[in-house]
Amino acid sequence: ELYALSKSSPTIKELEGFIRSHSGDLHTKHYLNLIAQRNLIQLLSQEPKTNKEVQRKILRLSKSVLATISRIDPGYSEWMGRIMKRMYESQLALLKIELQEKKIDKNTFLEKSEDIWNHMKEVEKCDILCTPCNI
C-alpha cells in the first residue's frame, strides 16, 4: 500500500492517513512507518508557506526517525543526512519565528542559530562520505 502511495505522488494528508490507519497494525518504528515519516518530512519541508505547527511537526518526526535510524544504521548515511538537514532547517525556521514574535532577543537568536549551523557540519559529512566517487 505504501509503495503504491509513494508511486502516485502522495499528499501530506495521504501519508498521515497511512500512518494513522496502520497505527494498530505496525509498530511506530516499523520500517514502513519510518519510510512514510521520511516522505512526510520531505513533503512538509517543500511546503511554500509554513508555520510553527508545520515546523514543529518536521522537528518531531525528524527526531523520531533519527532516534531509530541511529540505532539500526549507526554512522553517516545519505538518508540520515537528509533528515538531519530538514531537522536543522526547521529549528532555524522556529528560531526566526520566535525572533519575529519577540519571544527571544537577537543575541539569543544568534547564539542558537550558530549552534545549529555548527551541527549542520554533520550534514556535510553525510554528503561527503555518502557521495559515490568516480574513479
N, C-alpha and C. Protein backbone atom coordinates (compact mmCIF):
# COMPACT_ATOMS: atom_id res chain seq x y z
N GLU A 1 0.82 -1.20 0.00
CA GLU A 1 0.00 0.00 0.00
C GLU A 1 0.86 1.26 0.00
N LEU A 2 1.91 1.28 0.82
CA LEU A 2 2.81 2.44 0.86
C LEU A 2 3.55 2.59 -0.46
N TYR A 3 3.93 1.47 -1.05
CA TYR A 3 4.62 1.51 -2.34
C TYR A 3 3.74 2.16 -3.40
N ALA A 4 2.49 1.73 -3.45
CA ALA A 4 1.55 2.30 -4.43
C ALA A 4 1.32 3.77 -4.15
N LEU A 5 1.21 4.11 -2.90
CA LEU A 5 1.00 5.50 -2.50
C LEU A 5 2.21 6.35 -2.89
N SER A 6 3.40 5.83 -2.66
CA SER A 6 4.63 6.57 -2.98
C SER A 6 4.80 6.80 -4.48
N LYS A 7 4.31 5.87 -5.29
CA LYS A 7 4.43 6.00 -6.74
C LYS A 7 3.47 7.02 -7.33
N SER A 8 2.45 7.41 -6.56
CA SER A 8 1.43 8.32 -7.09
C SER A 8 1.56 9.74 -6.56
N SER A 9 2.75 10.15 -6.20
CA SER A 9 2.99 11.48 -5.65
C SER A 9 2.02 11.77 -4.50
N PRO A 10 2.26 11.15 -3.34
CA PRO A 10 1.33 11.28 -2.22
C PRO A 10 1.27 12.69 -1.66
N THR A 11 0.15 12.99 -1.04
CA THR A 11 -0.01 14.27 -0.36
C THR A 11 0.31 14.07 1.12
N ILE A 12 0.42 15.18 1.81
CA ILE A 12 0.67 15.13 3.25
C ILE A 12 -0.46 14.37 3.95
N LYS A 13 -1.69 14.68 3.58
CA LYS A 13 -2.85 14.02 4.19
C LYS A 13 -2.85 12.51 3.94
N GLU A 14 -2.45 12.10 2.75
CA GLU A 14 -2.42 10.67 2.44
C GLU A 14 -1.37 9.94 3.28
N LEU A 15 -0.19 10.54 3.43
CA LEU A 15 0.86 9.91 4.23
C LEU A 15 0.46 9.87 5.70
N GLU A 16 -0.11 10.97 6.19
CA GLU A 16 -0.57 10.98 7.57
C GLU A 16 -1.68 9.94 7.76
N GLY A 17 -2.53 9.80 6.76
CA GLY A 17 -3.59 8.79 6.80
C GLY A 17 -3.04 7.38 6.84
N PHE A 18 -1.99 7.12 6.06
CA PHE A 18 -1.35 5.80 6.06
C PHE A 18 -0.81 5.49 7.45
N ILE A 19 -0.09 6.43 8.02
CA ILE A 19 0.49 6.22 9.35
C ILE A 19 -0.61 5.98 10.38
N ARG A 20 -1.64 6.81 10.31
CA ARG A 20 -2.75 6.70 11.26
C ARG A 20 -3.51 5.38 11.09
N SER A 21 -3.79 5.01 9.85
CA SER A 21 -4.59 3.80 9.60
C SER A 21 -3.85 2.52 9.97
N HIS A 22 -2.53 2.56 10.00
CA HIS A 22 -1.74 1.37 10.33
C HIS A 22 -1.14 1.42 11.74
N SER A 23 -1.57 2.39 12.52
CA SER A 23 -1.01 2.52 13.87
C SER A 23 -1.35 1.31 14.74
N GLY A 24 -2.45 0.63 14.46
CA GLY A 24 -2.80 -0.56 15.22
C GLY A 24 -2.09 -1.81 14.74
N ASP A 25 -1.68 -1.82 13.46
CA ASP A 25 -1.04 -2.99 12.86
C ASP A 25 0.49 -2.94 12.93
N LEU A 26 1.04 -1.76 12.72
CA LEU A 26 2.50 -1.61 12.64
C LEU A 26 3.04 -0.84 13.85
N HIS A 27 4.16 -1.31 14.35
CA HIS A 27 4.83 -0.58 15.42
C HIS A 27 5.27 0.78 14.89
N THR A 28 5.33 1.76 15.76
CA THR A 28 5.70 3.12 15.31
C THR A 28 7.09 3.15 14.68
N LYS A 29 7.94 2.19 15.04
CA LYS A 29 9.30 2.15 14.49
C LYS A 29 9.45 1.12 13.36
N HIS A 30 8.32 0.59 12.88
CA HIS A 30 8.35 -0.34 11.76
C HIS A 30 8.90 0.38 10.53
N TYR A 31 9.63 -0.36 9.69
CA TYR A 31 10.28 0.28 8.56
C TYR A 31 9.29 0.97 7.62
N LEU A 32 8.09 0.45 7.48
CA LEU A 32 7.11 1.12 6.62
C LEU A 32 6.70 2.48 7.21
N ASN A 33 6.54 2.52 8.51
CA ASN A 33 6.24 3.80 9.16
C ASN A 33 7.40 4.77 9.03
N LEU A 34 8.62 4.26 9.16
CA LEU A 34 9.79 5.13 9.02
C LEU A 34 9.88 5.71 7.61
N ILE A 35 9.59 4.90 6.62
CA ILE A 35 9.60 5.38 5.23
C ILE A 35 8.51 6.43 5.04
N ALA A 36 7.32 6.15 5.57
CA ALA A 36 6.23 7.12 5.45
C ALA A 36 6.58 8.42 6.17
N GLN A 37 7.20 8.32 7.34
CA GLN A 37 7.60 9.51 8.08
C GLN A 37 8.67 10.29 7.32
N ARG A 38 9.62 9.58 6.73
CA ARG A 38 10.66 10.24 5.94
C ARG A 38 10.03 11.01 4.78
N ASN A 39 9.09 10.36 4.08
CA ASN A 39 8.42 11.02 2.95
C ASN A 39 7.58 12.20 3.42
N LEU A 40 6.98 12.06 4.58
CA LEU A 40 6.18 13.15 5.15
C LEU A 40 7.07 14.34 5.50
N ILE A 41 8.23 14.08 6.06
CA ILE A 41 9.18 15.16 6.37
C ILE A 41 9.55 15.89 5.09
N GLN A 42 9.82 15.13 4.05
CA GLN A 42 10.19 15.73 2.76
C GLN A 42 9.08 16.63 2.22
N LEU A 43 7.84 16.13 2.25
CA LEU A 43 6.71 16.91 1.74
C LEU A 43 6.47 18.16 2.59
N LEU A 44 6.51 18.01 3.90
CA LEU A 44 6.30 19.16 4.78
C LEU A 44 7.38 20.23 4.55
N SER A 45 8.60 19.79 4.27
CA SER A 45 9.71 20.72 4.04
C SER A 45 9.56 21.47 2.72
N GLN A 46 8.80 20.91 1.80
CA GLN A 46 8.61 21.54 0.49
C GLN A 46 7.42 22.49 0.46
N GLU A 47 6.66 22.55 1.55
CA GLU A 47 5.50 23.44 1.59
C GLU A 47 5.96 24.89 1.41
N PRO A 48 5.30 25.64 0.52
CA PRO A 48 5.74 27.02 0.28
C PRO A 48 5.53 27.94 1.50
N LYS A 49 4.45 27.75 2.21
CA LYS A 49 4.19 28.57 3.39
C LYS A 49 4.09 27.64 4.58
N THR A 50 4.95 27.88 5.54
CA THR A 50 4.90 27.05 6.74
C THR A 50 4.69 27.92 7.96
N ASN A 51 4.28 27.28 9.02
CA ASN A 51 4.08 27.99 10.27
C ASN A 51 4.74 27.19 11.40
N LYS A 52 4.52 27.63 12.62
CA LYS A 52 5.14 26.95 13.75
C LYS A 52 4.73 25.49 13.84
N GLU A 53 3.45 25.22 13.61
CA GLU A 53 2.96 23.85 13.74
C GLU A 53 3.65 22.91 12.74
N VAL A 54 3.79 23.38 11.51
CA VAL A 54 4.45 22.56 10.49
C VAL A 54 5.91 22.33 10.86
N GLN A 55 6.58 23.39 11.28
CA GLN A 55 7.99 23.27 11.65
C GLN A 55 8.16 22.35 12.85
N ARG A 56 7.27 22.45 13.81
CA ARG A 56 7.34 21.56 14.98
C ARG A 56 7.08 20.11 14.58
N LYS A 57 6.20 19.89 13.63
CA LYS A 57 5.92 18.54 13.15
C LYS A 57 7.15 17.97 12.46
N ILE A 58 7.80 18.77 11.62
CA ILE A 58 9.04 18.34 10.96
C ILE A 58 10.09 17.98 12.01
N LEU A 59 10.23 18.83 13.00
CA LEU A 59 11.21 18.61 14.06
C LEU A 59 10.91 17.32 14.83
N ARG A 60 9.65 17.13 15.21
CA ARG A 60 9.25 15.94 15.97
C ARG A 60 9.48 14.66 15.16
N LEU A 61 9.04 14.67 13.90
CA LEU A 61 9.22 13.50 13.04
C LEU A 61 10.70 13.20 12.80
N SER A 62 11.47 14.25 12.57
CA SER A 62 12.91 14.09 12.32
C SER A 62 13.60 13.46 13.52
N LYS A 63 13.31 13.96 14.69
CA LYS A 63 13.93 13.40 15.90
C LYS A 63 13.54 11.94 16.10
N SER A 64 12.29 11.63 15.83
CA SER A 64 11.82 10.26 15.98
C SER A 64 12.52 9.32 15.00
N VAL A 65 12.59 9.72 13.75
CA VAL A 65 13.24 8.89 12.73
C VAL A 65 14.72 8.74 13.04
N LEU A 66 15.39 9.83 13.40
CA LEU A 66 16.83 9.77 13.69
C LEU A 66 17.13 8.89 14.90
N ALA A 67 16.27 8.93 15.90
CA ALA A 67 16.48 8.10 17.09
C ALA A 67 16.47 6.62 16.72
N THR A 68 15.62 6.25 15.79
CA THR A 68 15.54 4.85 15.35
C THR A 68 16.67 4.50 14.40
N ILE A 69 16.88 5.34 13.40
CA ILE A 69 17.88 5.06 12.38
C ILE A 69 19.29 4.99 12.97
N SER A 70 19.59 5.85 13.94
CA SER A 70 20.93 5.86 14.52
C SER A 70 21.24 4.55 15.25
N ARG A 71 20.21 3.84 15.69
CA ARG A 71 20.43 2.53 16.33
C ARG A 71 20.54 1.41 15.31
N ILE A 72 19.74 1.51 14.27
CA ILE A 72 19.72 0.45 13.25
C ILE A 72 20.93 0.56 12.33
N ASP A 73 21.24 1.79 11.93
CA ASP A 73 22.31 2.03 10.96
C ASP A 73 23.18 3.17 11.46
N PRO A 74 24.03 2.89 12.49
CA PRO A 74 24.85 3.98 13.04
C PRO A 74 25.87 4.47 12.01
N GLY A 75 26.27 5.69 12.17
CA GLY A 75 27.21 6.29 11.24
C GLY A 75 26.51 7.18 10.23
N TYR A 76 27.27 7.70 9.33
CA TYR A 76 26.72 8.64 8.35
C TYR A 76 26.10 7.90 7.18
N SER A 77 24.96 8.40 6.74
CA SER A 77 24.30 7.85 5.56
C SER A 77 23.58 8.99 4.84
N GLU A 78 23.27 8.78 3.61
CA GLU A 78 22.56 9.79 2.83
C GLU A 78 21.19 10.08 3.45
N TRP A 79 20.54 9.01 3.86
CA TRP A 79 19.21 9.11 4.48
C TRP A 79 19.28 9.96 5.74
N MET A 80 20.26 9.65 6.58
CA MET A 80 20.44 10.39 7.83
C MET A 80 20.74 11.86 7.55
N GLY A 81 21.57 12.12 6.58
CA GLY A 81 21.93 13.49 6.23
C GLY A 81 20.73 14.31 5.80
N ARG A 82 19.86 13.72 5.01
CA ARG A 82 18.66 14.44 4.56
C ARG A 82 17.73 14.77 5.71
N ILE A 83 17.54 13.80 6.61
CA ILE A 83 16.66 14.01 7.76
C ILE A 83 17.25 15.07 8.68
N MET A 84 18.56 14.99 8.92
CA MET A 84 19.22 15.97 9.79
C MET A 84 19.10 17.38 9.19
N LYS A 85 19.28 17.48 7.90
CA LYS A 85 19.18 18.78 7.24
C LYS A 85 17.80 19.39 7.44
N ARG A 86 16.76 18.58 7.24
CA ARG A 86 15.38 19.08 7.43
C ARG A 86 15.14 19.47 8.89
N MET A 87 15.70 18.68 9.82
CA MET A 87 15.53 18.97 11.23
C MET A 87 16.17 20.32 11.59
N TYR A 88 17.40 20.52 11.13
CA TYR A 88 18.09 21.77 11.44
C TYR A 88 17.44 22.96 10.75
N GLU A 89 16.95 22.76 9.54
CA GLU A 89 16.24 23.84 8.85
C GLU A 89 14.98 24.24 9.62
N SER A 90 14.28 23.26 10.16
CA SER A 90 13.07 23.58 10.92
C SER A 90 13.42 24.26 12.24
N GLN A 91 14.53 23.87 12.85
CA GLN A 91 14.97 24.55 14.07
C GLN A 91 15.28 26.02 13.77
N LEU A 92 15.95 26.27 12.66
CA LEU A 92 16.26 27.65 12.27
C LEU A 92 14.98 28.44 11.98
N ALA A 93 14.04 27.81 11.30
CA ALA A 93 12.77 28.48 10.99
C ALA A 93 12.01 28.82 12.27
N LEU A 94 12.01 27.91 13.24
CA LEU A 94 11.34 28.18 14.52
C LEU A 94 12.03 29.31 15.27
N LEU A 95 13.35 29.32 15.22
CA LEU A 95 14.10 30.42 15.86
C LEU A 95 13.74 31.76 15.24
N LYS A 96 13.67 31.78 13.92
CA LYS A 96 13.32 33.02 13.21
C LYS A 96 11.93 33.50 13.60
N ILE A 97 10.98 32.57 13.70
CA ILE A 97 9.62 32.92 14.11
C ILE A 97 9.63 33.48 15.53
N GLU A 98 10.38 32.85 16.43
CA GLU A 98 10.46 33.33 17.80
C GLU A 98 11.06 34.73 17.87
N LEU A 99 12.04 34.99 17.02
CA LEU A 99 12.65 36.33 16.98
C LEU A 99 11.64 37.35 16.47
N GLN A 100 10.91 36.99 15.42
CA GLN A 100 9.90 37.90 14.86
C GLN A 100 8.78 38.18 15.85
N GLU A 101 8.44 37.18 16.65
CA GLU A 101 7.39 37.35 17.66
C GLU A 101 7.92 37.96 18.95
N LYS A 102 9.21 38.29 18.94
CA LYS A 102 9.89 38.90 20.08
C LYS A 102 9.87 38.01 21.33
N LYS A 103 9.88 36.70 21.11
CA LYS A 103 9.95 35.74 22.21
C LYS A 103 11.40 35.53 22.65
N ILE A 104 12.32 35.81 21.73
CA ILE A 104 13.75 35.77 22.04
C ILE A 104 14.37 37.05 21.51
N ASP A 105 15.51 37.43 22.11
CA ASP A 105 16.20 38.61 21.62
C ASP A 105 17.21 38.23 20.54
N LYS A 106 17.80 39.23 19.94
CA LYS A 106 18.70 38.99 18.81
C LYS A 106 19.94 38.20 19.23
N ASN A 107 20.46 38.47 20.43
CA ASN A 107 21.64 37.74 20.90
C ASN A 107 21.35 36.25 21.08
N THR A 108 20.20 35.95 21.65
CA THR A 108 19.80 34.55 21.82
C THR A 108 19.64 33.89 20.46
N PHE A 109 19.01 34.60 19.54
CA PHE A 109 18.84 34.09 18.18
C PHE A 109 20.20 33.77 17.55
N LEU A 110 21.14 34.70 17.68
CA LEU A 110 22.46 34.49 17.08
C LEU A 110 23.19 33.31 17.71
N GLU A 111 23.12 33.19 19.03
CA GLU A 111 23.79 32.08 19.71
C GLU A 111 23.20 30.74 19.30
N LYS A 112 21.88 30.66 19.32
CA LYS A 112 21.22 29.39 18.99
C LYS A 112 21.38 29.04 17.52
N SER A 113 21.31 30.03 16.65
CA SER A 113 21.46 29.73 15.22
C SER A 113 22.90 29.32 14.91
N GLU A 114 23.86 29.91 15.59
CA GLU A 114 25.26 29.50 15.39
C GLU A 114 25.45 28.05 15.83
N ASP A 115 24.82 27.67 16.92
CA ASP A 115 24.89 26.29 17.39
C ASP A 115 24.29 25.33 16.36
N ILE A 116 23.17 25.71 15.79
CA ILE A 116 22.52 24.87 14.78
C ILE A 116 23.41 24.75 13.55
N TRP A 117 24.01 25.87 13.13
CA TRP A 117 24.90 25.82 11.96
C TRP A 117 26.12 24.95 12.24
N ASN A 118 26.59 24.92 13.47
CA ASN A 118 27.71 24.03 13.81
C ASN A 118 27.28 22.57 13.69
N HIS A 119 26.05 22.27 14.07
CA HIS A 119 25.53 20.91 13.92
C HIS A 119 25.34 20.55 12.45
N MET A 120 25.11 21.55 11.63
CA MET A 120 24.89 21.32 10.20
C MET A 120 26.15 20.73 9.55
N LYS A 121 27.29 20.85 10.21
CA LYS A 121 28.52 20.27 9.66
C LYS A 121 28.42 18.75 9.55
N GLU A 122 27.60 18.15 10.42
CA GLU A 122 27.38 16.71 10.33
C GLU A 122 26.68 16.35 9.02
N VAL A 123 25.80 17.23 8.59
CA VAL A 123 25.10 17.00 7.32
C VAL A 123 26.13 17.00 6.19
N GLU A 124 27.08 17.90 6.26
CA GLU A 124 28.13 17.95 5.23
C GLU A 124 28.93 16.65 5.23
N LYS A 125 29.19 16.10 6.41
CA LYS A 125 29.92 14.83 6.48
C LYS A 125 29.12 13.72 5.80
N CYS A 126 27.82 13.73 6.02
CA CYS A 126 26.97 12.74 5.35
C CYS A 126 27.06 12.90 3.84
N ASP A 127 27.02 14.14 3.38
CA ASP A 127 27.09 14.40 1.94
C ASP A 127 28.42 13.94 1.36
N ILE A 128 29.51 14.25 2.06
CA ILE A 128 30.85 13.91 1.56
C ILE A 128 31.08 12.41 1.59
N LEU A 129 30.76 11.78 2.72
CA LEU A 129 31.04 10.36 2.89
C LEU A 129 30.10 9.45 2.10
N CYS A 130 28.94 9.96 1.75
CA CYS A 130 27.96 9.12 1.07
C CYS A 130 27.84 9.41 -0.42
N THR A 131 28.69 10.28 -0.92
CA THR A 131 28.68 10.58 -2.35
C THR A 131 29.60 9.59 -3.05
N PRO A 132 29.07 8.89 -4.04
CA PRO A 132 29.93 7.93 -4.76
C PRO A 132 31.04 8.66 -5.50
N CYS A 133 32.22 8.09 -5.43
CA CYS A 133 33.34 8.72 -6.14
C CYS A 133 33.48 8.09 -7.52
N ASN A 134 33.89 8.90 -8.45
CA ASN A 134 34.08 8.45 -9.83
C ASN A 134 35.56 8.24 -10.08
N ILE A 135 35.95 7.00 -10.13
CA ILE A 135 37.36 6.68 -10.37
C ILE A 135 37.53 6.12 -11.76
